[in-house]
Amino acid sequence: MSDDQLHLPGQYAIDSYGNGGFRFADMSHKGSLLILPAAMSNWPVKDGDELIETQFTKIIEQADSIDILVLGMGDKMYIPPKPIRQMCKQAGIVIEFMSTSNAVRTYNVLLDEQRRIAAALIAIE
């Protein structure tokens, strides 16, 4: 999966991450990753300081199926911009932001608990 239009139906545990991508479901994905209740797909974000509201549109569209958004901010810690935090709050989605390493572990635990989650993970080297 590398093209913005490609996606994998469903949610899968992430087996590994690094080298600019992720491994899950016996596949490799290069680049950042958006995991929604219905599918996993490319997320065109390379760094936490470039987050903009339009990158969260797909998440907000599925807000009825999401309680928690796990936001992996890469290697550095960034606070998501206020408009994005407000947008998610108004949609009833709690944002948990952390490093991508911690976000992958958190996502896997919440997925195993069958929680209503989404994840947006910035790829790390």
PDB file of N, CA and C in Angstrom:
ATOM      1  N   MET A   1       0.841  -1.178   0.000  1.00  0.00           N
ATOM      2  CA  MET A   1       0.000   0.000   0.000  1.00  0.00           C
ATOM      3  C   MET A   1       0.883   1.235   0.000  1.00  0.00           C
ATOM      4  N   SER A   2       0.743   2.064  -0.985  1.00  0.00           N
ATOM      5  CA  SER A   2       1.504   3.312  -0.975  1.00  0.00           C
ATOM      6  C   SER A   2       0.723   4.451  -1.594  1.00  0.00           C
ATOM      7  N   ASP A   3      -0.200   4.157  -2.448  1.00  0.00           N
ATOM      8  CA  ASP A   3      -0.989   5.188  -3.100  1.00  0.00           C
ATOM      9  C   ASP A   3      -2.125   5.642  -2.193  1.00  0.00           C
ATOM     10  N   ASP A   4      -2.478   6.933  -2.258  1.00  0.00           N
ATOM     11  CA  ASP A   4      -3.526   7.494  -1.411  1.00  0.00           C
ATOM     12  C   ASP A   4      -4.867   6.786  -1.618  1.00  0.00           C
ATOM     13  N   GLN A   5      -5.104   6.219  -2.787  1.00  0.00           N
ATOM     14  CA  GLN A   5      -6.369   5.566  -3.077  1.00  0.00           C
ATOM     15  C   GLN A   5      -6.417   4.119  -2.575  1.00  0.00           C
ATOM     16  N   LEU A   6      -5.272   3.506  -2.298  1.00  0.00           N
ATOM     17  CA  LEU A   6      -5.243   2.122  -1.856  1.00  0.00           C
ATOM     18  C   LEU A   6      -5.609   2.015  -0.387  1.00  0.00           C
ATOM     19  N   HIS A   7      -6.309   0.959  -0.062  1.00  0.00           N
ATOM     20  CA  HIS A   7      -6.642   0.718   1.327  1.00  0.00           C
ATOM     21  C   HIS A   7      -6.850  -0.769   1.554  1.00  0.00           C
ATOM     22  N   LEU A   8      -6.773  -1.160   2.796  1.00  0.00           N
ATOM     23  CA  LEU A   8      -7.015  -2.529   3.203  1.00  0.00           C
ATOM     24  C   LEU A   8      -8.247  -2.519   4.100  1.00  0.00           C
ATOM     25  N   PRO A   9      -9.320  -3.212   3.720  1.00  0.00           N
ATOM     26  CA  PRO A   9     -10.518  -3.218   4.552  1.00  0.00           C
ATOM     27  C   PRO A   9     -10.239  -3.787   5.949  1.00  0.00           C
ATOM     28  N   GLY A  10     -10.831  -3.172   6.968  1.00  0.00           N
ATOM     29  CA  GLY A  10     -10.706  -3.655   8.330  1.00  0.00           C
ATOM     30  C   GLY A  10      -9.562  -3.016   9.094  1.00  0.00           C
ATOM     31  N   GLN A  11      -9.411  -3.437  10.352  1.00  0.00           N
ATOM     32  CA  GLN A  11      -8.325  -2.973  11.213  1.00  0.00           C
ATOM     33  C   GLN A  11      -7.481  -4.177  11.592  1.00  0.00           C
ATOM     34  N   TYR A  12      -6.164  -4.011  11.557  1.00  0.00           N
ATOM     35  CA  TYR A  12      -5.232  -5.087  11.878  1.00  0.00           C
ATOM     36  C   TYR A  12      -4.187  -4.581  12.862  1.00  0.00           C
ATOM     37  N   ALA A  13      -3.702  -5.477  13.702  1.00  0.00           N
ATOM     38  CA  ALA A  13      -2.615  -5.130  14.610  1.00  0.00           C
ATOM     39  C   ALA A  13      -1.368  -4.814  13.794  1.00  0.00           C
ATOM     40  N   ILE A  14      -0.589  -3.880  14.287  1.00  0.00           N
ATOM     41  CA  ILE A  14       0.669  -3.520  13.628  1.00  0.00           C
ATOM     42  C   ILE A  14       1.759  -4.407  14.214  1.00  0.00           C
ATOM     43  N   ASP A  15       2.427  -5.134  13.342  1.00  0.00           N
ATOM     44  CA  ASP A  15       3.466  -6.077  13.759  1.00  0.00           C
ATOM     45  C   ASP A  15       4.801  -5.392  14.012  1.00  0.00           C
ATOM     46  N   SER A  16       5.115  -4.392  13.207  1.00  0.00           N
ATOM     47  CA  SER A  16       6.368  -3.651  13.391  1.00  0.00           C
ATOM     48  C   SER A  16       6.272  -2.306  12.692  1.00  0.00           C
ATOM     49  N   TYR A  17       7.215  -1.427  13.015  1.00  0.00           N
ATOM     50  CA  TYR A  17       7.245  -0.082  12.437  1.00  0.00           C
ATOM     51  C   TYR A  17       8.692   0.380  12.394  1.00  0.00           C
ATOM     52  N   GLY A  18       8.948   1.395  11.589  1.00  0.00           N
ATOM     53  CA  GLY A  18      10.294   1.931  11.404  1.00  0.00           C
ATOM     54  C   GLY A  18      10.658   1.887   9.935  1.00  0.00           C
ATOM     55  N   ASN A  19      11.856   2.355   9.595  1.00  0.00           N
ATOM     56  CA  ASN A  19      12.277   2.438   8.189  1.00  0.00           C
ATOM     57  C   ASN A  19      11.260   3.168   7.328  1.00  0.00           C
ATOM     58  N   GLY A  20      10.558   4.122   7.937  1.00  0.00           N
ATOM     59  CA  GLY A  20       9.608   4.933   7.181  1.00  0.00           C
ATOM     60  C   GLY A  20       8.287   4.265   6.887  1.00  0.00           C
ATOM     61  N   GLY A  21       7.929   3.219   7.637  1.00  0.00           N
ATOM     62  CA  GLY A  21       6.668   2.549   7.348  1.00  0.00           C
ATOM     63  C   GLY A  21       6.228   1.598   8.445  1.00  0.00           C
ATOM     64  N   PHE A  22       5.297   0.696   8.086  1.00  0.00           N
ATOM     65  CA  PHE A  22       4.659  -0.213   9.027  1.00  0.00           C
ATOM     66  C   PHE A  22       4.482  -1.581   8.392  1.00  0.00           C
ATOM     67  N   ARG A  23       4.420  -2.626   9.215  1.00  0.00           N
ATOM     68  CA  ARG A  23       4.094  -3.982   8.768  1.00  0.00           C
ATOM     69  C   ARG A  23       2.863  -4.458   9.530  1.00  0.00           C
ATOM     70  N   PHE A  24       1.900  -4.998   8.770  1.00  0.00           N
ATOM     71  CA  PHE A  24       0.672  -5.543   9.352  1.00  0.00           C
ATOM     72  C   PHE A  24       0.034  -6.455   8.325  1.00  0.00           C
ATOM     73  N   ALA A  25      -0.702  -7.441   8.785  1.00  0.00           N
ATOM     74  CA  ALA A  25      -1.448  -8.348   7.902  1.00  0.00           C
ATOM     75  C   ALA A  25      -0.561  -8.921   6.794  1.00  0.00           C
ATOM     76  N   ASP A  26       0.670  -9.288   7.138  1.00  0.00           N
ATOM     77  CA  ASP A  26       1.631  -9.840   6.173  1.00  0.00           C
ATOM     78  C   ASP A  26       1.923  -8.890   5.012  1.00  0.00           C
ATOM     79  N   MET A  27       1.822  -7.584   5.255  1.00  0.00           N
ATOM     80  CA  MET A  27       2.101  -6.573   4.237  1.00  0.00           C
ATOM     81  C   MET A  27       3.052  -5.527   4.793  1.00  0.00           C
ATOM     82  N   SER A  28       3.679  -4.802   3.873  1.00  0.00           N
ATOM     83  CA  SER A  28       4.490  -3.640   4.244  1.00  0.00           C
ATOM     84  C   SER A  28       3.814  -2.400   3.690  1.00  0.00           C
ATOM     85  N   HIS A  29       3.862  -1.328   4.459  1.00  0.00           N
ATOM     86  CA  HIS A  29       3.317  -0.050   4.013  1.00  0.00           C
ATOM     87  C   HIS A  29       4.378   1.006   4.219  1.00  0.00           C
ATOM     88  N   LYS A  30       4.743   1.709   3.183  1.00  0.00           N
ATOM     89  CA  LYS A  30       5.721   2.796   3.270  1.00  0.00           C
ATOM     90  C   LYS A  30       4.973   4.113   3.457  1.00  0.00           C
ATOM     91  N   GLY A  31       5.358   4.896   4.457  1.00  0.00           N
ATOM     92  CA  GLY A  31       4.732   6.180   4.707  1.00  0.00           C
ATOM     93  C   GLY A  31       3.823   6.127   5.918  1.00  0.00           C
ATOM     94  N   SER A  32       3.173   7.241   6.202  1.00  0.00           N
ATOM     95  CA  SER A  32       2.275   7.353   7.344  1.00  0.00           C
ATOM     96  C   SER A  32       0.989   6.583   7.076  1.00  0.00           C
ATOM     97  N   LEU A  33       0.290   6.256   8.160  1.00  0.00           N
ATOM     98  CA  LEU A  33      -0.827   5.320   8.069  1.00  0.00           C
ATOM     99  C   LEU A  33      -2.055   5.863   8.791  1.00  0.00           C
ATOM    100  N   LEU A  34      -3.208   5.765   8.131  1.00  0.00           N
ATOM    101  CA  LEU A  34      -4.488   6.133   8.727  1.00  0.00           C
ATOM    102  C   LEU A  34      -5.303   4.853   8.908  1.00  0.00           C
ATOM    103  N   ILE A  35      -5.697   4.597  10.149  1.00  0.00           N
ATOM    104  CA  ILE A  35      -6.466   3.393  10.459  1.00  0.00           C
ATOM    105  C   ILE A  35      -7.839   3.828  10.953  1.00  0.00           C
ATOM    106  N   LEU A  36      -8.838   3.531  10.155  1.00  0.00           N
ATOM    107  CA  LEU A  36     -10.225   3.839  10.500  1.00  0.00           C
ATOM    108  C   LEU A  36     -10.955   2.532  10.785  1.00  0.00           C
ATOM    109  N   PRO A  37     -12.143   2.572  11.360  1.00  0.00           N
ATOM    110  CA  PRO A  37     -12.841   1.323  11.652  1.00  0.00           C
ATOM    111  C   PRO A  37     -13.038   0.432  10.424  1.00  0.00           C
ATOM    112  N   ALA A  38     -13.237   1.028   9.268  1.00  0.00           N
ATOM    113  CA  ALA A  38     -13.533   0.239   8.070  1.00  0.00           C
ATOM    114  C   ALA A  38     -12.310  -0.109   7.228  1.00  0.00           C
ATOM    115  N   ALA A  39     -11.192   0.605   7.391  1.00  0.00           N
ATOM    116  CA  ALA A  39     -10.053   0.367   6.500  1.00  0.00           C
ATOM    117  C   ALA A  39      -8.778   1.033   6.996  1.00  0.00           C
ATOM    118  N   MET A  40      -7.663   0.538   6.481  1.00  0.00           N
ATOM    119  CA  MET A  40      -6.345   1.126   6.738  1.00  0.00           C
ATOM    120  C   MET A  40      -5.852   1.684   5.399  1.00  0.00           C
ATOM    121  N   SER A  41      -5.292   2.901   5.416  1.00  0.00           N
ATOM    122  CA  SER A  41      -4.859   3.512   4.169  1.00  0.00           C
ATOM    123  C   SER A  41      -3.693   4.476   4.409  1.00  0.00           C
ATOM    124  N   ASN A  42      -3.141   4.953   3.327  1.00  0.00           N
ATOM    125  CA  ASN A  42      -2.064   5.935   3.389  1.00  0.00           C
ATOM    126  C   ASN A  42      -2.584   7.227   4.020  1.00  0.00           C
ATOM    127  N   TRP A  43      -1.726   7.886   4.796  1.00  0.00           N
ATOM    128  CA  TRP A  43      -2.063   9.189   5.379  1.00  0.00           C
ATOM    129  C   TRP A  43      -0.953  10.149   4.961  1.00  0.00           C
ATOM    130  N   PRO A  44      -1.250  11.155   4.143  1.00  0.00           N
ATOM    131  CA  PRO A  44      -0.206  12.004   3.551  1.00  0.00           C
ATOM    132  C   PRO A  44       0.390  13.047   4.514  1.00  0.00           C
ATOM    133  N   VAL A  45       0.924  12.564   5.634  1.00  0.00           N
ATOM    134  CA  VAL A  45       1.550  13.449   6.618  1.00  0.00           C
ATOM    135  C   VAL A  45       2.954  12.924   6.878  1.00  0.00           C
ATOM    136  N   LYS A  46       3.934  13.820   6.835  1.00  0.00           N
ATOM    137  CA  LYS A  46       5.312  13.408   7.070  1.00  0.00           C
ATOM    138  C   LYS A  46       5.865  13.906   8.399  1.00  0.00           C
ATOM    139  N   ASP A  47       5.242  14.945   8.964  1.00  0.00           N
ATOM    140  CA  ASP A  47       5.769  15.543  10.188  1.00  0.00           C
ATOM    141  C   ASP A  47       4.620  16.145  10.999  1.00  0.00           C
ATOM    142  N   GLY A  48       4.734  16.084  12.319  1.00  0.00           N
ATOM    143  CA  GLY A  48       3.679  16.583  13.195  1.00  0.00           C
ATOM    144  C   GLY A  48       3.417  18.061  13.091  1.00  0.00           C
ATOM    145  N   ASP A  49       4.402  18.830  12.629  1.00  0.00           N
ATOM    146  CA  ASP A  49       4.175  20.277  12.551  1.00  0.00           C
ATOM    147  C   ASP A  49       3.466  20.691  11.262  1.00  0.00           C
ATOM    148  N   GLU A  50       3.072  19.726  10.444  1.00  0.00           N
ATOM    149  CA  GLU A  50       2.348  20.064   9.208  1.00  0.00           C
ATOM    150  C   GLU A  50       0.889  19.614   9.241  1.00  0.00           C
ATOM    151  N   LEU A  51       0.368  19.294  10.409  1.00  0.00           N
ATOM    152  CA  LEU A  51      -1.023  18.855  10.511  1.00  0.00           C
ATOM    153  C   LEU A  51      -1.998  19.977  10.183  1.00  0.00           C
ATOM    154  N   ILE A  52      -2.979  19.654   9.340  1.00  0.00           N
ATOM    155  CA  ILE A  52      -4.030  20.607   8.985  1.00  0.00           C
ATOM    156  C   ILE A  52      -5.391  19.895   9.064  1.00  0.00           C
ATOM    157  N   GLU A  53      -6.430  20.655   9.194  1.00  0.00           N
ATOM    158  CA  GLU A  53      -7.767  20.109   9.406  1.00  0.00           C
ATOM    159  C   GLU A  53      -8.216  19.132   8.323  1.00  0.00           C
ATOM    160  N   THR A  54      -7.902  19.412   7.061  1.00  0.00           N
ATOM    161  CA  THR A  54      -8.377  18.538   5.985  1.00  0.00           C
ATOM    162  C   THR A  54      -7.821  17.118   6.103  1.00  0.00           C
ATOM    163  N   GLN A  55      -6.706  16.945   6.793  1.00  0.00           N
ATOM    164  CA  GLN A  55      -6.138  15.602   6.969  1.00  0.00           C
ATOM    165  C   GLN A  55      -6.961  14.764   7.945  1.00  0.00           C
ATOM    166  N   PHE A  56      -7.914  15.391   8.624  1.00  0.00           N
ATOM    167  CA  PHE A  56      -8.744  14.704   9.609  1.00  0.00           C
ATOM    168  C   PHE A  56     -10.183  14.520   9.135  1.00  0.00           C
ATOM    169  N   THR A  57     -10.466  14.889   7.892  1.00  0.00           N
ATOM    170  CA  THR A  57     -11.824  14.811   7.345  1.00  0.00           C
ATOM    171  C   THR A  57     -12.366  13.390   7.385  1.00  0.00           C
ATOM    172  N   LYS A  58     -11.585  12.409   6.939  1.00  0.00           N
ATOM    173  CA  LYS A  58     -12.057  11.019   6.922  1.00  0.00           C
ATOM    174  C   LYS A  58     -12.354  10.523   8.337  1.00  0.00           C
ATOM    175  N   ILE A  59     -11.565  10.973   9.288  1.00  0.00           N
ATOM    176  CA  ILE A  59     -11.787  10.581  10.686  1.00  0.00           C
ATOM    177  C   ILE A  59     -13.122  11.138  11.175  1.00  0.00           C
ATOM    178  N   ILE A  60     -13.351  12.420  10.931  1.00  0.00           N
ATOM    179  CA  ILE A  60     -14.587  13.073  11.378  1.00  0.00           C
ATOM    180  C   ILE A  60     -15.801  12.448  10.691  1.00  0.00           C
ATOM    181  N   GLU A  61     -15.663  12.076   9.424  1.00  0.00           N
ATOM    182  CA  GLU A  61     -16.773  11.450   8.702  1.00  0.00           C
ATOM    183  C   GLU A  61     -17.208  10.134   9.341  1.00  0.00           C
ATOM    184  N   GLN A  62     -16.293   9.475  10.055  1.00  0.00           N
ATOM    185  CA  GLN A  62     -16.613   8.193  10.684  1.00  0.00           C
ATOM    186  C   GLN A  62     -16.733   8.315  12.211  1.00  0.00           C
ATOM    187  N   ALA A  63     -16.975   9.524  12.686  1.00  0.00           N
ATOM    188  CA  ALA A  63     -17.014   9.790  14.127  1.00  0.00           C
ATOM    189  C   ALA A  63     -18.011   8.909  14.878  1.00  0.00           C
ATOM    190  N   ASP A  64     -19.094   8.504  14.232  1.00  0.00           N
ATOM    191  CA  ASP A  64     -20.080   7.657  14.902  1.00  0.00           C
ATOM    192  C   ASP A  64     -19.519   6.286  15.270  1.00  0.00           C
ATOM    193  N   SER A  65     -18.391   5.910  14.654  1.00  0.00           N
ATOM    194  CA  SER A  65     -17.772   4.601  14.912  1.00  0.00           C
ATOM    195  C   SER A  65     -16.481   4.710  15.708  1.00  0.00           C
ATOM    196  N   ILE A  66     -16.133   5.936  16.155  1.00  0.00           N
ATOM    197  CA  ILE A  66     -14.840   6.164  16.805  1.00  0.00           C
ATOM    198  C   ILE A  66     -15.049   6.862  18.153  1.00  0.00           C
ATOM    199  N   ASP A  67     -14.467   6.297  19.190  1.00  0.00           N
ATOM    200  CA  ASP A  67     -14.439   6.951  20.499  1.00  0.00           C
ATOM    201  C   ASP A  67     -13.092   7.610  20.757  1.00  0.00           C
ATOM    202  N   ILE A  68     -12.024   6.933  20.320  1.00  0.00           N
ATOM    203  CA  ILE A  68     -10.661   7.394  20.596  1.00  0.00           C
ATOM    204  C   ILE A  68      -9.851   7.432  19.308  1.00  0.00           C
ATOM    205  N   LEU A  69      -9.139   8.533  19.099  1.00  0.00           N
ATOM    206  CA  LEU A  69      -8.167   8.648  18.015  1.00  0.00           C
ATOM    207  C   LEU A  69      -6.781   8.601  18.636  1.00  0.00           C
ATOM    208  N   VAL A  70      -5.998   7.586  18.286  1.00  0.00           N
ATOM    209  CA  VAL A  70      -4.617   7.480  18.723  1.00  0.00           C
ATOM    210  C   VAL A  70      -3.772   8.161  17.646  1.00  0.00           C
ATOM    211  N   LEU A  71      -3.123   9.240  18.027  1.00  0.00           N
ATOM    212  CA  LEU A  71      -2.379  10.054  17.076  1.00  0.00           C
ATOM    213  C   LEU A  71      -0.883   9.913  17.338  1.00  0.00           C
ATOM    214  N   GLY A  72      -0.197   9.226  16.447  1.00  0.00           N
ATOM    215  CA  GLY A  72       1.252   9.031  16.544  1.00  0.00           C
ATOM    216  C   GLY A  72       1.963  10.180  15.857  1.00  0.00           C
ATOM    217  N   MET A  73       2.672  10.982  16.635  1.00  0.00           N
ATOM    218  CA  MET A  73       3.248  12.238  16.135  1.00  0.00           C
ATOM    219  C   MET A  73       4.674  12.101  15.589  1.00  0.00           C
ATOM    220  N   GLY A  74       5.142  10.893  15.328  1.00  0.00           N
ATOM    221  CA  GLY A  74       6.504  10.711  14.839  1.00  0.00           C
ATOM    222  C   GLY A  74       7.466  10.576  16.005  1.00  0.00           C
ATOM    223  N   ASP A  75       8.702  11.020  15.803  1.00  0.00           N
ATOM    224  CA  ASP A  75       9.733  10.949  16.846  1.00  0.00           C
ATOM    225  C   ASP A  75       9.667  12.116  17.815  1.00  0.00           C
ATOM    226  N   LYS A  76       9.095  13.232  17.365  1.00  0.00           N
ATOM    227  CA  LYS A  76       9.033  14.442  18.193  1.00  0.00           C
ATOM    228  C   LYS A  76       7.632  14.589  18.766  1.00  0.00           C
ATOM    229  N   MET A  77       7.534  15.329  19.838  1.00  0.00           N
ATOM    230  CA  MET A  77       6.227  15.551  20.445  1.00  0.00           C
ATOM    231  C   MET A  77       5.667  16.887  19.983  1.00  0.00           C
ATOM    232  N   TYR A  78       4.529  16.829  19.343  1.00  0.00           N
ATOM    233  CA  TYR A  78       3.806  18.021  18.918  1.00  0.00           C
ATOM    234  C   TYR A  78       2.421  17.958  19.527  1.00  0.00           C
ATOM    235  N   ILE A  79       1.876  19.095  19.861  1.00  0.00           N
ATOM    236  CA  ILE A  79       0.476  19.173  20.267  1.00  0.00           C
ATOM    237  C   ILE A  79      -0.314  19.486  19.001  1.00  0.00           C
ATOM    238  N   PRO A  80      -1.333  18.687  18.697  1.00  0.00           N
ATOM    239  CA  PRO A  80      -2.129  18.982  17.503  1.00  0.00           C
ATOM    240  C   PRO A  80      -2.702  20.402  17.586  1.00  0.00           C
ATOM    241  N   PRO A  81      -2.784  21.088  16.455  1.00  0.00           N
ATOM    242  CA  PRO A  81      -3.330  22.449  16.455  1.00  0.00           C
ATOM    243  C   PRO A  81      -4.743  22.496  17.061  1.00  0.00           C
ATOM    244  N   LYS A  82      -5.039  23.601  17.694  1.00  0.00           N
ATOM    245  CA  LYS A  82      -6.323  23.774  18.379  1.00  0.00           C
ATOM    246  C   LYS A  82      -7.531  23.503  17.473  1.00  0.00           C
ATOM    247  N   PRO A  83      -7.547  23.980  16.211  1.00  0.00           N
ATOM    248  CA  PRO A  83      -8.721  23.686  15.366  1.00  0.00           C
ATOM    249  C   PRO A  83      -8.962  22.187  15.175  1.00  0.00           C
ATOM    250  N   ILE A  84      -7.897  21.401  15.114  1.00  0.00           N
ATOM    251  CA  ILE A  84      -8.043  19.947  14.967  1.00  0.00           C
ATOM    252  C   ILE A  84      -8.577  19.344  16.262  1.00  0.00           C
ATOM    253  N   ARG A  85      -8.054  19.786  17.382  1.00  0.00           N
ATOM    254  CA  ARG A  85      -8.535  19.290  18.686  1.00  0.00           C
ATOM    255  C   ARG A  85     -10.014  19.629  18.860  1.00  0.00           C
ATOM    256  N   GLN A  86     -10.397  20.847  18.500  1.00  0.00           N
ATOM    257  CA  GLN A  86     -11.803  21.269  18.620  1.00  0.00           C
ATOM    258  C   GLN A  86     -12.705  20.478  17.670  1.00  0.00           C
ATOM    259  N   MET A  87     -12.228  20.265  16.459  1.00  0.00           N
ATOM    260  CA  MET A  87     -12.984  19.524  15.460  1.00  0.00           C
ATOM    261  C   MET A  87     -13.298  18.107  15.975  1.00  0.00           C
ATOM    262  N   CYS A  88     -12.301  17.451  16.540  1.00  0.00           N
ATOM    263  CA  CYS A  88     -12.493  16.100  17.075  1.00  0.00           C
ATOM    264  C   CYS A  88     -13.410  16.126  18.297  1.00  0.00           C
ATOM    265  N   LYS A  89     -13.212  17.087  19.172  1.00  0.00           N
ATOM    266  CA  LYS A  89     -14.038  17.185  20.375  1.00  0.00           C
ATOM    267  C   LYS A  89     -15.508  17.369  20.007  1.00  0.00           C
ATOM    268  N   GLN A  90     -15.775  18.257  19.039  1.00  0.00           N
ATOM    269  CA  GLN A  90     -17.151  18.490  18.606  1.00  0.00           C
ATOM    270  C   GLN A  90     -17.778  17.237  18.000  1.00  0.00           C
ATOM    271  N   ALA A  91     -16.931  16.376  17.420  1.00  0.00           N
ATOM    272  CA  ALA A  91     -17.419  15.128  16.830  1.00  0.00           C
ATOM    273  C   ALA A  91     -17.522  14.012  17.865  1.00  0.00           C
ATOM    274  N   GLY A  92     -17.108  14.289  19.113  1.00  0.00           N
ATOM    275  CA  GLY A  92     -17.182  13.291  20.168  1.00  0.00           C
ATOM    276  C   GLY A  92     -16.010  12.325  20.197  1.00  0.00           C
ATOM    277  N   ILE A  93     -14.908  12.709  19.586  1.00  0.00           N
ATOM    278  CA  ILE A  93     -13.717  11.865  19.526  1.00  0.00           C
ATOM    279  C   ILE A  93     -12.655  12.406  20.482  1.00  0.00           C
ATOM    280  N   VAL A  94     -12.151  11.542  21.339  1.00  0.00           N
ATOM    281  CA  VAL A  94     -11.051  11.895  22.242  1.00  0.00           C
ATOM    282  C   VAL A  94      -9.740  11.654  21.498  1.00  0.00           C
ATOM    283  N   ILE A  95      -8.841  12.640  21.499  1.00  0.00           N
ATOM    284  CA  ILE A  95      -7.525  12.477  20.871  1.00  0.00           C
ATOM    285  C   ILE A  95      -6.500  12.149  21.949  1.00  0.00           C
ATOM    286  N   GLU A  96      -5.781  11.064  21.726  1.00  0.00           N
ATOM    287  CA  GLU A  96      -4.631  10.707  22.562  1.00  0.00           C
ATOM    288  C   GLU A  96      -3.408  10.840  21.662  1.00  0.00           C
ATOM    289  N   PHE A  97      -2.601  11.867  21.894  1.00  0.00           N
ATOM    290  CA  PHE A  97      -1.433  12.064  21.037  1.00  0.00           C
ATOM    291  C   PHE A  97      -0.163  11.731  21.799  1.00  0.00           C
ATOM    292  N   MET A  98       0.770  11.107  21.073  1.00  0.00           N
ATOM    293  CA  MET A  98       2.009  10.606  21.669  1.00  0.00           C
ATOM    294  C   MET A  98       2.984  10.279  20.543  1.00  0.00           C
ATOM    295  N   SER A  99       4.163   9.812  20.890  1.00  0.00           N
ATOM    296  CA  SER A  99       5.112   9.404  19.857  1.00  0.00           C
ATOM    297  C   SER A  99       4.501   8.240  19.066  1.00  0.00           C
ATOM    298  N   THR A 100       4.961   8.053  17.851  1.00  0.00           N
ATOM    299  CA  THR A 100       4.446   6.945  17.040  1.00  0.00           C
ATOM    300  C   THR A 100       4.733   5.601  17.701  1.00  0.00           C
ATOM    301  N   SER A 101       5.904   5.454  18.313  1.00  0.00           N
ATOM    302  CA  SER A 101       6.226   4.196  19.000  1.00  0.00           C
ATOM    303  C   SER A 101       5.181   3.869  20.058  1.00  0.00           C
ATOM    304  N   ASN A 102       4.871   4.829  20.901  1.00  0.00           N
ATOM    305  CA  ASN A 102       3.852   4.619  21.937  1.00  0.00           C
ATOM    306  C   ASN A 102       2.462   4.454  21.336  1.00  0.00           C
ATOM    307  N   ALA A 103       2.195   5.173  20.265  1.00  0.00           N
ATOM    308  CA  ALA A 103       0.880   5.099  19.623  1.00  0.00           C
ATOM    309  C   ALA A 103       0.626   3.712  19.035  1.00  0.00           C
ATOM    310  N   VAL A 104       1.641   3.100  18.449  1.00  0.00           N
ATOM    311  CA  VAL A 104       1.472   1.752  17.891  1.00  0.00           C
ATOM    312  C   VAL A 104       1.130   0.768  19.009  1.00  0.00           C
ATOM    313  N   ARG A 105       1.852   0.840  20.108  1.00  0.00           N
ATOM    314  CA  ARG A 105       1.570  -0.061  21.237  1.00  0.00           C
ATOM    315  C   ARG A 105       0.169   0.184  21.798  1.00  0.00           C
ATOM    316  N   THR A 106      -0.195   1.444  21.960  1.00  0.00           N
ATOM    317  CA  THR A 106      -1.525   1.793  22.477  1.00  0.00           C
ATOM    318  C   THR A 106      -2.621   1.311  21.535  1.00  0.00           C
ATOM    319  N   TYR A 107      -2.439   1.560  20.246  1.00  0.00           N
ATOM    320  CA  TYR A 107      -3.410   1.103  19.242  1.00  0.00           C
ATOM    321  C   TYR A 107      -3.601  -0.404  19.321  1.00  0.00           C
ATOM    322  N   ASN A 108      -2.505  -1.158  19.376  1.00  0.00           N
ATOM    323  CA  ASN A 108      -2.606  -2.622  19.419  1.00  0.00           C
ATOM    324  C   ASN A 108      -3.369  -3.101  20.655  1.00  0.00           C
ATOM    325  N   VAL A 109      -3.115  -2.475  21.809  1.00  0.00           N
ATOM    326  CA  VAL A 109      -3.822  -2.867  23.038  1.00  0.00           C
ATOM    327  C   VAL A 109      -5.310  -2.551  22.907  1.00  0.00           C
ATOM    328  N   LEU A 110      -5.642  -1.344  22.447  1.00  0.00           N
ATOM    329  CA  LEU A 110      -7.049  -0.954  22.313  1.00  0.00           C
ATOM    330  C   LEU A 110      -7.771  -1.812  21.272  1.00  0.00           C
ATOM    331  N   LEU A 111      -7.066  -2.173  20.207  1.00  0.00           N
ATOM    332  CA  LEU A 111      -7.643  -3.053  19.188  1.00  0.00           C
ATOM    333  C   LEU A 111      -7.942  -4.422  19.792  1.00  0.00           C
ATOM    334  N   ASP A 112      -7.003  -4.941  20.579  1.00  0.00           N
ATOM    335  CA  ASP A 112      -7.188  -6.233  21.235  1.00  0.00           C
ATOM    336  C   ASP A 112      -8.377  -6.193  22.204  1.00  0.00           C
ATOM    337  N   GLU A 113      -8.603  -5.044  22.810  1.00  0.00           N
ATOM    338  CA  GLU A 113      -9.747  -4.865  23.724  1.00  0.00           C
ATOM    339  C   GLU A 113     -11.056  -4.593  22.976  1.00  0.00           C
ATOM    340  N   GLN A 114     -10.977  -4.565  21.653  1.00  0.00           N
ATOM    341  CA  GLN A 114     -12.123  -4.313  20.778  1.00  0.00           C
ATOM    342  C   GLN A 114     -12.786  -2.966  21.050  1.00  0.00           C
ATOM    343  N   ARG A 115     -11.959  -1.965  21.300  1.00  0.00           N
ATOM    344  CA  ARG A 115     -12.450  -0.606  21.519  1.00  0.00           C
ATOM    345  C   ARG A 115     -12.765   0.045  20.173  1.00  0.00           C
ATOM    346  N   ARG A 116     -13.559   1.089  20.193  1.00  0.00           N
ATOM    347  CA  ARG A 116     -13.934   1.832  18.972  1.00  0.00           C
ATOM    348  C   ARG A 116     -12.863   2.896  18.724  1.00  0.00           C
ATOM    349  N   ILE A 117     -11.829   2.504  17.966  1.00  0.00           N
ATOM    350  CA  ILE A 117     -10.656   3.359  17.804  1.00  0.00           C
ATOM    351  C   ILE A 117     -10.357   3.659  16.349  1.00  0.00           C
ATOM    352  N   ALA A 118      -9.582   4.710  16.186  1.00  0.00           N
ATOM    353  CA  ALA A 118      -8.929   5.031  14.916  1.00  0.00           C
ATOM    354  C   ALA A 118      -7.504   5.415  15.292  1.00  0.00           C
ATOM    355  N   ALA A 119      -6.622   5.357  14.315  1.00  0.00           N
ATOM    356  CA  ALA A 119      -5.239   5.777  14.560  1.00  0.00           C
ATOM    357  C   ALA A 119      -4.735   6.509  13.334  1.00  0.00           C
ATOM    358  N   ALA A 120      -3.961   7.542  13.585  1.00  0.00           N
ATOM    359  CA  ALA A 120      -3.270   8.284  12.528  1.00  0.00           C
ATOM    360  C   ALA A 120      -1.810   8.303  12.968  1.00  0.00           C
ATOM    361  N   LEU A 121      -0.968   7.611  12.206  1.00  0.00           N
ATOM    362  CA  LEU A 121       0.402   7.361  12.633  1.00  0.00           C
ATOM    363  C   LEU A 121       1.400   7.927  11.637  1.00  0.00           C
ATOM    364  N   ILE A 122       2.227   8.846  12.089  1.00  0.00           N
ATOM    365  CA  ILE A 122       3.284   9.407  11.249  1.00  0.00           C
ATOM    366  C   ILE A 122       4.452   8.424  11.251  1.00  0.00           C
ATOM    367  N   ALA A 123       4.883   8.040  10.079  1.00  0.00           N
ATOM    368  CA  ALA A 123       5.974   7.064   9.936  1.00  0.00           C
ATOM    369  C   ALA A 123       7.268   7.610  10.520  1.00  0.00           C
ATOM    370  N   ILE A 124       8.065   6.711  11.090  1.00  0.00           N
ATOM    371  CA  ILE A 124       9.370   7.075  11.639  1.00  0.00           C
ATOM    372  C   ILE A 124      10.449   6.190  11.020  1.00  0.00           C
ATOM    373  N   GLU A 125      11.673   6.692  11.065  1.00  0.00           N
ATOM    374  CA  GLU A 125      12.811   5.904  10.567  1.00  0.00           C
ATOM    375  C   GLU A 125      13.250   4.999  11.667  1.00  0.00           C
TER     376      GLU A 125
END
